[in-house]
Amino acid sequence: MPKANNAVASRARRKRVLKKAKGFWGSRGNVLTVVKHAVDKAEQYAYRDRRAKKRNFRALWIMRINAAARLNGTTYSRLVNAMAQKSIEIDRKALAEIAVKDPEAFTTIVKAVIE
């Protein structure tokens, strides 16, 4: 009995991997064995960095809040602590946005929190 190759499925499998490697440099974009490794590594980085992005943005928001707080005579840690004690719940993303876009409103918040 002849061996069945199922060329349609194997070609589709190869095309799917090669499509993910579109734009990769050199043999990383067109040699199947190299492409498999490159795509696997790229997917690992993508998975890791989706989580790292959240950490990076939180760090950016904290830096912006700290810079704006120091312009108003306090620090980030004192401001956040005072907000927690007064039960003012503005998340860091919104607070950073206010600090950048509307410094007067941020100053009002700081004055309301730290008396």
PDB file of N, CA and C in Angstrom:
ATOM      1  N   MET A   1       0.851  -1.194   0.000  1.00  0.00           N
ATOM      2  CA  MET A   1       0.000   0.000   0.000  1.00  0.00           C
ATOM      3  C   MET A   1       0.886   1.244   0.000  1.00  0.00           C
ATOM      4  N   PRO A   2       0.609   2.222  -0.866  1.00  0.00           N
ATOM      5  CA  PRO A   2       1.453   3.418  -0.944  1.00  0.00           C
ATOM      6  C   PRO A   2       1.296   4.305   0.290  1.00  0.00           C
ATOM      7  N   LYS A   3       2.364   5.051   0.563  1.00  0.00           N
ATOM      8  CA  LYS A   3       2.367   5.955   1.725  1.00  0.00           C
ATOM      9  C   LYS A   3       1.593   7.234   1.390  1.00  0.00           C
ATOM     10  N   ALA A   4       0.730   7.645   2.281  1.00  0.00           N
ATOM     11  CA  ALA A   4      -0.036   8.881   2.077  1.00  0.00           C
ATOM     12  C   ALA A   4       0.715  10.039   2.724  1.00  0.00           C
ATOM     13  N   ASN A   5       1.024  11.058   1.951  1.00  0.00           N
ATOM     14  CA  ASN A   5       1.819  12.182   2.463  1.00  0.00           C
ATOM     15  C   ASN A   5       0.981  13.311   3.052  1.00  0.00           C
ATOM     16  N   ASN A   6      -0.227  13.455   2.548  1.00  0.00           N
ATOM     17  CA  ASN A   6      -1.083  14.572   2.934  1.00  0.00           C
ATOM     18  C   ASN A   6      -0.354  15.901   2.703  1.00  0.00           C
ATOM     19  N   ALA A   7       0.014  16.105   1.459  1.00  0.00           N
ATOM     20  CA  ALA A   7       0.795  17.291   1.083  1.00  0.00           C
ATOM     21  C   ALA A   7       0.063  18.589   1.393  1.00  0.00           C
ATOM     22  N   VAL A   8      -1.254  18.574   1.320  1.00  0.00           N
ATOM     23  CA  VAL A   8      -2.025  19.791   1.563  1.00  0.00           C
ATOM     24  C   VAL A   8      -1.812  20.282   2.994  1.00  0.00           C
ATOM     25  N   ALA A   9      -1.913  19.377   3.949  1.00  0.00           N
ATOM     26  CA  ALA A   9      -1.775  19.763   5.359  1.00  0.00           C
ATOM     27  C   ALA A   9      -0.349  20.178   5.685  1.00  0.00           C
ATOM     28  N   SER A  10       0.650  19.424   5.147  1.00  0.00           N
ATOM     29  CA  SER A  10       2.037  19.770   5.475  1.00  0.00           C
ATOM     30  C   SER A  10       2.433  21.097   4.839  1.00  0.00           C
ATOM     31  N   ARG A  11       1.951  21.368   3.631  1.00  0.00           N
ATOM     32  CA  ARG A  11       2.239  22.657   2.997  1.00  0.00           C
ATOM     33  C   ARG A  11       1.578  23.794   3.778  1.00  0.00           C
ATOM     34  N   ALA A  12       0.365  23.568   4.251  1.00  0.00           N
ATOM     35  CA  ALA A  12      -0.334  24.595   5.040  1.00  0.00           C
ATOM     36  C   ALA A  12       0.415  24.876   6.333  1.00  0.00           C
ATOM     37  N   ARG A  13       0.955  23.810   6.944  1.00  0.00           N
ATOM     38  CA  ARG A  13       1.725  23.967   8.170  1.00  0.00           C
ATOM     39  C   ARG A  13       2.966  24.831   7.920  1.00  0.00           C
ATOM     40  N   ARG A  14       3.671  24.522   6.834  1.00  0.00           N
ATOM     41  CA  ARG A  14       4.869  25.290   6.479  1.00  0.00           C
ATOM     42  C   ARG A  14       4.517  26.749   6.175  1.00  0.00           C
ATOM     43  N   LYS A  15       3.458  26.934   5.411  1.00  0.00           N
ATOM     44  CA  LYS A  15       3.053  28.305   5.048  1.00  0.00           C
ATOM     45  C   LYS A  15       2.694  29.116   6.286  1.00  0.00           C
ATOM     46  N   ARG A  16       2.030  28.457   7.241  1.00  0.00           N
ATOM     47  CA  ARG A  16       1.623  29.155   8.473  1.00  0.00           C
ATOM     48  C   ARG A  16       2.846  29.649   9.245  1.00  0.00           C
ATOM     49  N   VAL A  17       3.875  28.828   9.333  1.00  0.00           N
ATOM     50  CA  VAL A  17       5.094  29.213  10.048  1.00  0.00           C
ATOM     51  C   VAL A  17       5.843  30.294   9.270  1.00  0.00           C
ATOM     52  N   LEU A  18       5.945  30.119   7.946  1.00  0.00           N
ATOM     53  CA  LEU A  18       6.659  31.094   7.123  1.00  0.00           C
ATOM     54  C   LEU A  18       5.956  32.453   7.131  1.00  0.00           C
ATOM     55  N   LYS A  19       4.640  32.444   7.194  1.00  0.00           N
ATOM     56  CA  LYS A  19       3.899  33.703   7.226  1.00  0.00           C
ATOM     57  C   LYS A  19       4.201  34.485   8.504  1.00  0.00           C
ATOM     58  N   LYS A  20       4.373  33.765   9.617  1.00  0.00           N
ATOM     59  CA  LYS A  20       4.711  34.428  10.881  1.00  0.00           C
ATOM     60  C   LYS A  20       6.087  35.066  10.828  1.00  0.00           C
ATOM     61  N   ALA A  21       6.973  34.530   9.943  1.00  0.00           N
ATOM     62  CA  ALA A  21       8.352  35.028   9.852  1.00  0.00           C
ATOM     63  C   ALA A  21       8.507  36.091   8.761  1.00  0.00           C
ATOM     64  N   LYS A  22       7.402  36.607   8.254  1.00  0.00           N
ATOM     65  CA  LYS A  22       7.477  37.615   7.208  1.00  0.00           C
ATOM     66  C   LYS A  22       8.231  38.838   7.728  1.00  0.00           C
ATOM     67  N   GLY A  23       9.221  39.281   6.962  1.00  0.00           N
ATOM     68  CA  GLY A  23      10.000  40.441   7.364  1.00  0.00           C
ATOM     69  C   GLY A  23      11.238  40.111   8.173  1.00  0.00           C
ATOM     70  N   PHE A  24      11.420  38.852   8.552  1.00  0.00           N
ATOM     71  CA  PHE A  24      12.625  38.464   9.283  1.00  0.00           C
ATOM     72  C   PHE A  24      13.813  38.550   8.336  1.00  0.00           C
ATOM     73  N   TRP A  25      14.991  38.793   8.883  1.00  0.00           N
ATOM     74  CA  TRP A  25      16.183  39.041   8.080  1.00  0.00           C
ATOM     75  C   TRP A  25      16.836  37.727   7.638  1.00  0.00           C
ATOM     76  N   GLY A  26      17.249  37.694   6.386  1.00  0.00           N
ATOM     77  CA  GLY A  26      18.036  36.580   5.859  1.00  0.00           C
ATOM     78  C   GLY A  26      17.312  35.252   5.910  1.00  0.00           C
ATOM     79  N   SER A  27      18.048  34.214   6.284  1.00  0.00           N
ATOM     80  CA  SER A  27      17.475  32.868   6.291  1.00  0.00           C
ATOM     81  C   SER A  27      16.445  32.691   7.403  1.00  0.00           C
ATOM     82  N   ARG A  28      16.406  33.625   8.340  1.00  0.00           N
ATOM     83  CA  ARG A  28      15.390  33.552   9.392  1.00  0.00           C
ATOM     84  C   ARG A  28      13.988  33.773   8.824  1.00  0.00           C
ATOM     85  N   GLY A  29      13.899  34.227   7.581  1.00  0.00           N
ATOM     86  CA  GLY A  29      12.603  34.476   6.970  1.00  0.00           C
ATOM     87  C   GLY A  29      12.211  33.497   5.895  1.00  0.00           C
ATOM     88  N   ASN A  30      13.158  32.612   5.448  1.00  0.00           N
ATOM     89  CA  ASN A  30      12.786  31.734   4.342  1.00  0.00           C
ATOM     90  C   ASN A  30      13.289  30.298   4.419  1.00  0.00           C
ATOM     91  N   VAL A  31      14.144  29.942   5.367  1.00  0.00           N
ATOM     92  CA  VAL A  31      14.598  28.556   5.524  1.00  0.00           C
ATOM     93  C   VAL A  31      13.796  27.934   6.665  1.00  0.00           C
ATOM     94  N   LEU A  32      13.021  26.920   6.334  1.00  0.00           N
ATOM     95  CA  LEU A  32      12.016  26.416   7.267  1.00  0.00           C
ATOM     96  C   LEU A  32      12.569  26.047   8.637  1.00  0.00           C
ATOM     97  N   THR A  33      13.694  25.324   8.691  1.00  0.00           N
ATOM     98  CA  THR A  33      14.204  24.903   9.997  1.00  0.00           C
ATOM     99  C   THR A  33      14.651  26.104  10.825  1.00  0.00           C
ATOM    100  N   VAL A  34      15.242  27.099  10.169  1.00  0.00           N
ATOM    101  CA  VAL A  34      15.678  28.307  10.873  1.00  0.00           C
ATOM    102  C   VAL A  34      14.463  29.142  11.269  1.00  0.00           C
ATOM    103  N   VAL A  35      13.490  29.201  10.371  1.00  0.00           N
ATOM    104  CA  VAL A  35      12.262  29.971  10.628  1.00  0.00           C
ATOM    105  C   VAL A  35      11.539  29.443  11.860  1.00  0.00           C
ATOM    106  N   LYS A  36      11.471  28.128  12.010  1.00  0.00           N
ATOM    107  CA  LYS A  36      10.775  27.535  13.164  1.00  0.00           C
ATOM    108  C   LYS A  36      11.378  28.039  14.471  1.00  0.00           C
ATOM    109  N   HIS A  37      12.707  28.028  14.550  1.00  0.00           N
ATOM    110  CA  HIS A  37      13.377  28.497  15.769  1.00  0.00           C
ATOM    111  C   HIS A  37      13.155  29.990  15.978  1.00  0.00           C
ATOM    112  N   ALA A  38      13.247  30.759  14.891  1.00  0.00           N
ATOM    113  CA  ALA A  38      13.091  32.210  14.989  1.00  0.00           C
ATOM    114  C   ALA A  38      11.672  32.575  15.432  1.00  0.00           C
ATOM    115  N   VAL A  39      10.683  31.886  14.875  1.00  0.00           N
ATOM    116  CA  VAL A  39       9.285  32.163  15.223  1.00  0.00           C
ATOM    117  C   VAL A  39       9.006  31.754  16.665  1.00  0.00           C
ATOM    118  N   ASP A  40       9.531  30.604  17.096  1.00  0.00           N
ATOM    119  CA  ASP A  40       9.352  30.167  18.480  1.00  0.00           C
ATOM    120  C   ASP A  40       9.903  31.214  19.439  1.00  0.00           C
ATOM    121  N   LYS A  41      11.116  31.702  19.149  1.00  0.00           N
ATOM    122  CA  LYS A  41      11.748  32.694  20.026  1.00  0.00           C
ATOM    123  C   LYS A  41      10.961  33.999  19.999  1.00  0.00           C
ATOM    124  N   ALA A  42      10.493  34.399  18.828  1.00  0.00           N
ATOM    125  CA  ALA A  42       9.713  35.631  18.708  1.00  0.00           C
ATOM    126  C   ALA A  42       8.430  35.541  19.528  1.00  0.00           C
ATOM    127  N   GLU A  43       7.797  34.370  19.513  1.00  0.00           N
ATOM    128  CA  GLU A  43       6.569  34.204  20.290  1.00  0.00           C
ATOM    129  C   GLU A  43       6.851  34.203  21.783  1.00  0.00           C
ATOM    130  N   GLN A  44       8.008  33.673  22.189  1.00  0.00           N
ATOM    131  CA  GLN A  44       8.395  33.736  23.606  1.00  0.00           C
ATOM    132  C   GLN A  44       8.579  35.188  24.046  1.00  0.00           C
ATOM    133  N   TYR A  45       9.270  35.970  23.213  1.00  0.00           N
ATOM    134  CA  TYR A  45       9.485  37.381  23.532  1.00  0.00           C
ATOM    135  C   TYR A  45       8.150  38.135  23.592  1.00  0.00           C
ATOM    136  N   ALA A  46       7.260  37.825  22.646  1.00  0.00           N
ATOM    137  CA  ALA A  46       5.966  38.502  22.604  1.00  0.00           C
ATOM    138  C   ALA A  46       5.169  38.209  23.873  1.00  0.00           C
ATOM    139  N   TYR A  47       5.170  36.956  24.308  1.00  0.00           N
ATOM    140  CA  TYR A  47       4.446  36.557  25.521  1.00  0.00           C
ATOM    141  C   TYR A  47       5.020  37.275  26.738  1.00  0.00           C
ATOM    142  N   ARG A  48       6.365  37.249  26.851  1.00  0.00           N
ATOM    143  CA  ARG A  48       7.037  37.888  27.992  1.00  0.00           C
ATOM    144  C   ARG A  48       6.786  39.387  28.004  1.00  0.00           C
ATOM    145  N   ASP A  49       6.890  40.015  26.834  1.00  0.00           N
ATOM    146  CA  ASP A  49       6.834  41.468  26.788  1.00  0.00           C
ATOM    147  C   ASP A  49       5.426  42.029  26.901  1.00  0.00           C
ATOM    148  N   ARG A  50       4.408  41.202  26.668  1.00  0.00           N
ATOM    149  CA  ARG A  50       3.043  41.672  26.947  1.00  0.00           C
ATOM    150  C   ARG A  50       2.883  41.945  28.439  1.00  0.00           C
ATOM    151  N   ARG A  51       3.581  41.158  29.256  1.00  0.00           N
ATOM    152  CA  ARG A  51       3.536  41.379  30.703  1.00  0.00           C
ATOM    153  C   ARG A  51       4.491  42.494  31.125  1.00  0.00           C
ATOM    154  N   ALA A  52       5.661  42.528  30.495  1.00  0.00           N
ATOM    155  CA  ALA A  52       6.657  43.558  30.824  1.00  0.00           C
ATOM    156  C   ALA A  52       6.135  44.944  30.488  1.00  0.00           C
ATOM    157  N   LYS A  53       5.322  45.054  29.442  1.00  0.00           N
ATOM    158  CA  LYS A  53       4.769  46.340  29.036  1.00  0.00           C
ATOM    159  C   LYS A  53       3.937  46.955  30.160  1.00  0.00           C
ATOM    160  N   LYS A  54       3.196  46.131  30.861  1.00  0.00           N
ATOM    161  CA  LYS A  54       2.371  46.616  31.971  1.00  0.00           C
ATOM    162  C   LYS A  54       3.253  47.178  33.084  1.00  0.00           C
ATOM    163  N   ARG A  55       4.371  46.488  33.379  1.00  0.00           N
ATOM    164  CA  ARG A  55       5.302  46.986  34.392  1.00  0.00           C
ATOM    165  C   ARG A  55       5.940  48.293  33.957  1.00  0.00           C
ATOM    166  N   ASN A  56       6.311  48.370  32.670  1.00  0.00           N
ATOM    167  CA  ASN A  56       6.961  49.576  32.158  1.00  0.00           C
ATOM    168  C   ASN A  56       6.041  50.785  32.232  1.00  0.00           C
ATOM    169  N   PHE A  57       4.766  50.591  31.887  1.00  0.00           N
ATOM    170  CA  PHE A  57       3.831  51.707  31.936  1.00  0.00           C
ATOM    171  C   PHE A  57       3.588  52.159  33.373  1.00  0.00           C
ATOM    172  N   ARG A  58       3.467  51.214  34.292  1.00  0.00           N
ATOM    173  CA  ARG A  58       3.280  51.591  35.692  1.00  0.00           C
ATOM    174  C   ARG A  58       4.476  52.398  36.190  1.00  0.00           C
ATOM    175  N   ALA A  59       5.686  51.981  35.830  1.00  0.00           N
ATOM    176  CA  ALA A  59       6.893  52.721  36.217  1.00  0.00           C
ATOM    177  C   ALA A  59       6.886  54.118  35.615  1.00  0.00           C
ATOM    178  N   LEU A  60       6.449  54.246  34.360  1.00  0.00           N
ATOM    179  CA  LEU A  60       6.369  55.556  33.709  1.00  0.00           C
ATOM    180  C   LEU A  60       5.374  56.458  34.427  1.00  0.00           C
ATOM    181  N   TRP A  61       4.194  55.908  34.781  1.00  0.00           N
ATOM    182  CA  TRP A  61       3.192  56.709  35.483  1.00  0.00           C
ATOM    183  C   TRP A  61       3.734  57.194  36.819  1.00  0.00           C
ATOM    184  N   ILE A  62       4.427  56.320  37.536  1.00  0.00           N
ATOM    185  CA  ILE A  62       4.983  56.687  38.838  1.00  0.00           C
ATOM    186  C   ILE A  62       6.016  57.791  38.677  1.00  0.00           C
ATOM    187  N   MET A  63       6.867  57.693  37.649  1.00  0.00           N
ATOM    188  CA  MET A  63       7.862  58.747  37.401  1.00  0.00           C
ATOM    189  C   MET A  63       7.204  60.088  37.131  1.00  0.00           C
ATOM    190  N   ARG A  64       6.151  60.081  36.321  1.00  0.00           N
ATOM    191  CA  ARG A  64       5.449  61.329  35.986  1.00  0.00           C
ATOM    192  C   ARG A  64       4.772  61.926  37.212  1.00  0.00           C
ATOM    193  N   ILE A  65       4.137  61.075  38.012  1.00  0.00           N
ATOM    194  CA  ILE A  65       3.475  61.563  39.228  1.00  0.00           C
ATOM    195  C   ILE A  65       4.508  62.127  40.187  1.00  0.00           C
ATOM    196  N   ASN A  66       5.635  61.452  40.334  1.00  0.00           N
ATOM    197  CA  ASN A  66       6.689  61.899  41.242  1.00  0.00           C
ATOM    198  C   ASN A  66       7.239  63.254  40.799  1.00  0.00           C
ATOM    199  N   ALA A  67       7.476  63.407  39.494  1.00  0.00           N
ATOM    200  CA  ALA A  67       7.999  64.682  38.987  1.00  0.00           C
ATOM    201  C   ALA A  67       7.019  65.815  39.259  1.00  0.00           C
ATOM    202  N   ALA A  68       5.740  65.568  39.004  1.00  0.00           N
ATOM    203  CA  ALA A  68       4.729  66.598  39.239  1.00  0.00           C
ATOM    204  C   ALA A  68       4.558  66.869  40.727  1.00  0.00           C
ATOM    205  N   ALA A  69       4.644  65.826  41.547  1.00  0.00           N
ATOM    206  CA  ALA A  69       4.498  66.004  42.995  1.00  0.00           C
ATOM    207  C   ALA A  69       5.642  66.847  43.546  1.00  0.00           C
ATOM    208  N   ARG A  70       6.852  66.615  43.048  1.00  0.00           N
ATOM    209  CA  ARG A  70       8.006  67.384  43.520  1.00  0.00           C
ATOM    210  C   ARG A  70       7.890  68.855  43.135  1.00  0.00           C
ATOM    211  N   LEU A  71       7.252  69.136  42.003  1.00  0.00           N
ATOM    212  CA  LEU A  71       7.003  70.536  41.635  1.00  0.00           C
ATOM    213  C   LEU A  71       6.024  71.193  42.611  1.00  0.00           C
ATOM    214  N   ASN A  72       5.227  70.374  43.283  1.00  0.00           N
ATOM    215  CA  ASN A  72       4.259  70.875  44.255  1.00  0.00           C
ATOM    216  C   ASN A  72       4.728  70.693  45.700  1.00  0.00           C
ATOM    217  N   GLY A  73       6.011  70.444  45.887  1.00  0.00           N
ATOM    218  CA  GLY A  73       6.582  70.419  47.233  1.00  0.00           C
ATOM    219  C   GLY A  73       6.376  69.142  48.028  1.00  0.00           C
ATOM    220  N   THR A  74       6.118  68.035  47.373  1.00  0.00           N
ATOM    221  CA  THR A  74       5.977  66.762  48.074  1.00  0.00           C
ATOM    222  C   THR A  74       6.647  65.671  47.230  1.00  0.00           C
ATOM    223  N   THR A  75       6.520  64.425  47.659  1.00  0.00           N
ATOM    224  CA  THR A  75       7.073  63.323  46.889  1.00  0.00           C
ATOM    225  C   THR A  75       5.955  62.362  46.526  1.00  0.00           C
ATOM    226  N   TYR A  76       6.275  61.436  45.629  1.00  0.00           N
ATOM    227  CA  TYR A  76       5.295  60.448  45.191  1.00  0.00           C
ATOM    228  C   TYR A  76       4.784  59.627  46.374  1.00  0.00           C
ATOM    229  N   SER A  77       5.710  59.140  47.203  1.00  0.00           N
ATOM    230  CA  SER A  77       5.306  58.240  48.287  1.00  0.00           C
ATOM    231  C   SER A  77       4.418  58.961  49.300  1.00  0.00           C
ATOM    232  N   ARG A  78       4.764  60.204  49.619  1.00  0.00           N
ATOM    233  CA  ARG A  78       3.923  60.972  50.561  1.00  0.00           C
ATOM    234  C   ARG A  78       2.549  61.251  49.973  1.00  0.00           C
ATOM    235  N   LEU A  79       2.519  61.564  48.683  1.00  0.00           N
ATOM    236  CA  LEU A  79       1.248  61.859  48.016  1.00  0.00           C
ATOM    237  C   LEU A  79       0.342  60.629  48.000  1.00  0.00           C
ATOM    238  N   VAL A  80       0.894  59.481  47.604  1.00  0.00           N
ATOM    239  CA  VAL A  80       0.093  58.255  47.520  1.00  0.00           C
ATOM    240  C   VAL A  80      -0.372  57.821  48.907  1.00  0.00           C
ATOM    241  N   ASN A  81       0.502  57.963  49.907  1.00  0.00           N
ATOM    242  CA  ASN A  81       0.128  57.620  51.275  1.00  0.00           C
ATOM    243  C   ASN A  81      -1.004  58.518  51.772  1.00  0.00           C
ATOM    244  N   ALA A  82      -0.899  59.813  51.520  1.00  0.00           N
ATOM    245  CA  ALA A  82      -1.950  60.754  51.948  1.00  0.00           C
ATOM    246  C   ALA A  82      -3.261  60.455  51.231  1.00  0.00           C
ATOM    247  N   MET A  83      -3.179  60.095  49.945  1.00  0.00           N
ATOM    248  CA  MET A  83      -4.402  59.754  49.204  1.00  0.00           C
ATOM    249  C   MET A  83      -5.054  58.502  49.780  1.00  0.00           C
ATOM    250  N   ALA A  84      -4.255  57.535  50.174  1.00  0.00           N
ATOM    251  CA  ALA A  84      -4.794  56.307  50.764  1.00  0.00           C
ATOM    252  C   ALA A  84      -5.460  56.603  52.107  1.00  0.00           C
ATOM    253  N   GLN A  85      -4.848  57.465  52.903  1.00  0.00           N
ATOM    254  CA  GLN A  85      -5.421  57.807  54.209  1.00  0.00           C
ATOM    255  C   GLN A  85      -6.729  58.579  54.072  1.00  0.00           C
ATOM    256  N   LYS A  86      -6.830  59.414  53.030  1.00  0.00           N
ATOM    257  CA  LYS A  86      -8.066  60.188  52.820  1.00  0.00           C
ATOM    258  C   LYS A  86      -9.076  59.434  51.957  1.00  0.00           C
ATOM    259  N   SER A  87      -8.762  58.197  51.610  1.00  0.00           N
ATOM    260  CA  SER A  87      -9.637  57.342  50.782  1.00  0.00           C
ATOM    261  C   SER A  87      -9.957  57.974  49.427  1.00  0.00           C
ATOM    262  N   ILE A  88      -8.964  58.642  48.843  1.00  0.00           N
ATOM    263  CA  ILE A  88      -9.110  59.169  47.485  1.00  0.00           C
ATOM    264  C   ILE A  88      -8.523  58.136  46.548  1.00  0.00           C
ATOM    265  N   GLU A  89      -9.365  57.564  45.701  1.00  0.00           N
ATOM    266  CA  GLU A  89      -8.936  56.482  44.837  1.00  0.00           C
ATOM    267  C   GLU A  89      -8.873  56.952  43.387  1.00  0.00           C
ATOM    268  N   ILE A  90      -7.734  57.509  43.013  1.00  0.00           N
ATOM    269  CA  ILE A  90      -7.453  57.836  41.617  1.00  0.00           C
ATOM    270  C   ILE A  90      -6.293  56.934  41.215  1.00  0.00           C
ATOM    271  N   ASP A  91      -6.491  56.142  40.175  1.00  0.00           N
ATOM    272  CA  ASP A  91      -5.409  55.223  39.802  1.00  0.00           C
ATOM    273  C   ASP A  91      -4.233  55.983  39.195  1.00  0.00           C
ATOM    274  N   ARG A  92      -3.093  55.304  39.157  1.00  0.00           N
ATOM    275  CA  ARG A  92      -1.849  55.950  38.747  1.00  0.00           C
ATOM    276  C   ARG A  92      -1.900  56.424  37.304  1.00  0.00           C
ATOM    277  N   LYS A  93      -2.577  55.673  36.451  1.00  0.00           N
ATOM    278  CA  LYS A  93      -2.678  56.058  35.045  1.00  0.00           C
ATOM    279  C   LYS A  93      -3.409  57.391  34.915  1.00  0.00           C
ATOM    280  N   ALA A  94      -4.534  57.517  35.586  1.00  0.00           N
ATOM    281  CA  ALA A  94      -5.318  58.753  35.513  1.00  0.00           C
ATOM    282  C   ALA A  94      -4.575  59.910  36.173  1.00  0.00           C
ATOM    283  N   LEU A  95      -3.931  59.634  37.301  1.00  0.00           N
ATOM    284  CA  LEU A  95      -3.186  60.676  38.012  1.00  0.00           C
ATOM    285  C   LEU A  95      -2.022  61.183  37.168  1.00  0.00           C
ATOM    286  N   ALA A  96      -1.327  60.288  36.490  1.00  0.00           N
ATOM    287  CA  ALA A  96      -0.219  60.682  35.610  1.00  0.00           C
ATOM    288  C   ALA A  96      -0.733  61.506  34.434  1.00  0.00           C
ATOM    289  N   GLU A  97      -1.884  61.128  33.907  1.00  0.00           N
ATOM    290  CA  GLU A  97      -2.485  61.866  32.789  1.00  0.00           C
ATOM    291  C   GLU A  97      -2.849  63.279  33.227  1.00  0.00           C
ATOM    292  N   ILE A  98      -3.414  63.400  34.412  1.00  0.00           N
ATOM    293  CA  ILE A  98      -3.753  64.724  34.951  1.00  0.00           C
ATOM    294  C   ILE A  98      -2.484  65.544  35.158  1.00  0.00           C
ATOM    295  N   ALA A  99      -1.444  64.909  35.687  1.00  0.00           N
ATOM    296  CA  ALA A  99      -0.186  65.605  35.958  1.00  0.00           C
ATOM    297  C   ALA A  99       0.424  66.176  34.680  1.00  0.00           C
ATOM    298  N   VAL A 100       0.306  65.444  33.580  1.00  0.00           N
ATOM    299  CA  VAL A 100       0.905  65.886  32.323  1.00  0.00           C
ATOM    300  C   VAL A 100       0.012  66.893  31.599  1.00  0.00           C
ATOM    301  N   LYS A 101      -1.287  66.592  31.493  1.00  0.00           N
ATOM    302  CA  LYS A 101      -2.188  67.400  30.672  1.00  0.00           C
ATOM    303  C   LYS A 101      -2.735  68.636  31.394  1.00  0.00           C
ATOM    304  N   ASP A 102      -2.926  68.521  32.712  1.00  0.00           N
ATOM    305  CA  ASP A 102      -3.569  69.620  33.446  1.00  0.00           C
ATOM    306  C   ASP A 102      -2.871  69.834  34.782  1.00  0.00           C
ATOM    307  N   PRO A 103      -1.716  70.511  34.787  1.00  0.00           N
ATOM    308  CA  PRO A 103      -0.949  70.695  36.019  1.00  0.00           C
ATOM    309  C   PRO A 103      -1.713  71.447  37.120  1.00  0.00           C
ATOM    310  N   GLU A 104      -2.614  72.372  36.715  1.00  0.00           N
ATOM    311  CA  GLU A 104      -3.386  73.104  37.723  1.00  0.00           C
ATOM    312  C   GLU A 104      -4.301  72.164  38.498  1.00  0.00           C
ATOM    313  N   ALA A 105      -4.942  71.240  37.789  1.00  0.00           N
ATOM    314  CA  ALA A 105      -5.815  70.263  38.451  1.00  0.00           C
ATOM    315  C   ALA A 105      -5.002  69.358  39.366  1.00  0.00           C
ATOM    316  N   PHE A 106      -3.791  68.986  38.937  1.00  0.00           N
ATOM    317  CA  PHE A 106      -2.929  68.152  39.772  1.00  0.00           C
ATOM    318  C   PHE A 106      -2.552  68.899  41.046  1.00  0.00           C
ATOM    319  N   THR A 107      -2.248  70.192  40.902  1.00  0.00           N
ATOM    320  CA  THR A 107      -1.920  71.012  42.076  1.00  0.00           C
ATOM    321  C   THR A 107      -3.102  71.068  43.033  1.00  0.00           C
ATOM    322  N   THR A 108      -4.304  71.182  42.494  1.00  0.00           N
ATOM    323  CA  THR A 108      -5.514  71.186  43.322  1.00  0.00           C
ATOM    324  C   THR A 108      -5.653  69.873  44.083  1.00  0.00           C
ATOM    325  N   ILE A 109      -5.388  68.767  43.404  1.00  0.00           N
ATOM    326  CA  ILE A 109      -5.458  67.445  44.059  1.00  0.00           C
ATOM    327  C   ILE A 109      -4.440  67.356  45.182  1.00  0.00           C
ATOM    328  N   VAL A 110      -3.208  67.815  44.920  1.00  0.00           N
ATOM    329  CA  VAL A 110      -2.161  67.751  45.929  1.00  0.00           C
ATOM    330  C   VAL A 110      -2.547  68.586  47.149  1.00  0.00           C
ATOM    331  N   LYS A 111      -3.071  69.784  46.909  1.00  0.00           N
ATOM    332  CA  LYS A 111      -3.469  70.659  48.021  1.00  0.00           C
ATOM    333  C   LYS A 111      -4.609  70.063  48.821  1.00  0.00           C
ATOM    334  N   ALA A 112      -5.534  69.407  48.122  1.00  0.00           N
ATOM    335  CA  ALA A 112      -6.677  68.785  48.809  1.00  0.00           C
ATOM    336  C   ALA A 112      -6.217  67.602  49.664  1.00  0.00           C
ATOM    337  N   VAL A 113      -5.232  66.895  49.193  1.00  0.00           N
ATOM    338  CA  VAL A 113      -4.774  65.695  49.901  1.00  0.00           C
ATOM    339  C   VAL A 113      -3.833  66.057  51.050  1.00  0.00           C
ATOM    340  N   ILE A 114      -2.871  66.919  50.771  1.00  0.00           N
ATOM    341  CA  ILE A 114      -1.863  67.279  51.767  1.00  0.00           C
ATOM    342  C   ILE A 114      -2.185  68.671  52.285  1.00  0.00           C
ATOM    343  N   GLU A 115      -2.632  68.715  53.513  1.00  0.00           N
ATOM    344  CA  GLU A 115      -3.025  70.000  54.119  1.00  0.00           C
ATOM    345  C   GLU A 115      -2.109  70.400  55.243  1.00  0.00           C
TER     346      GLU A 115
END
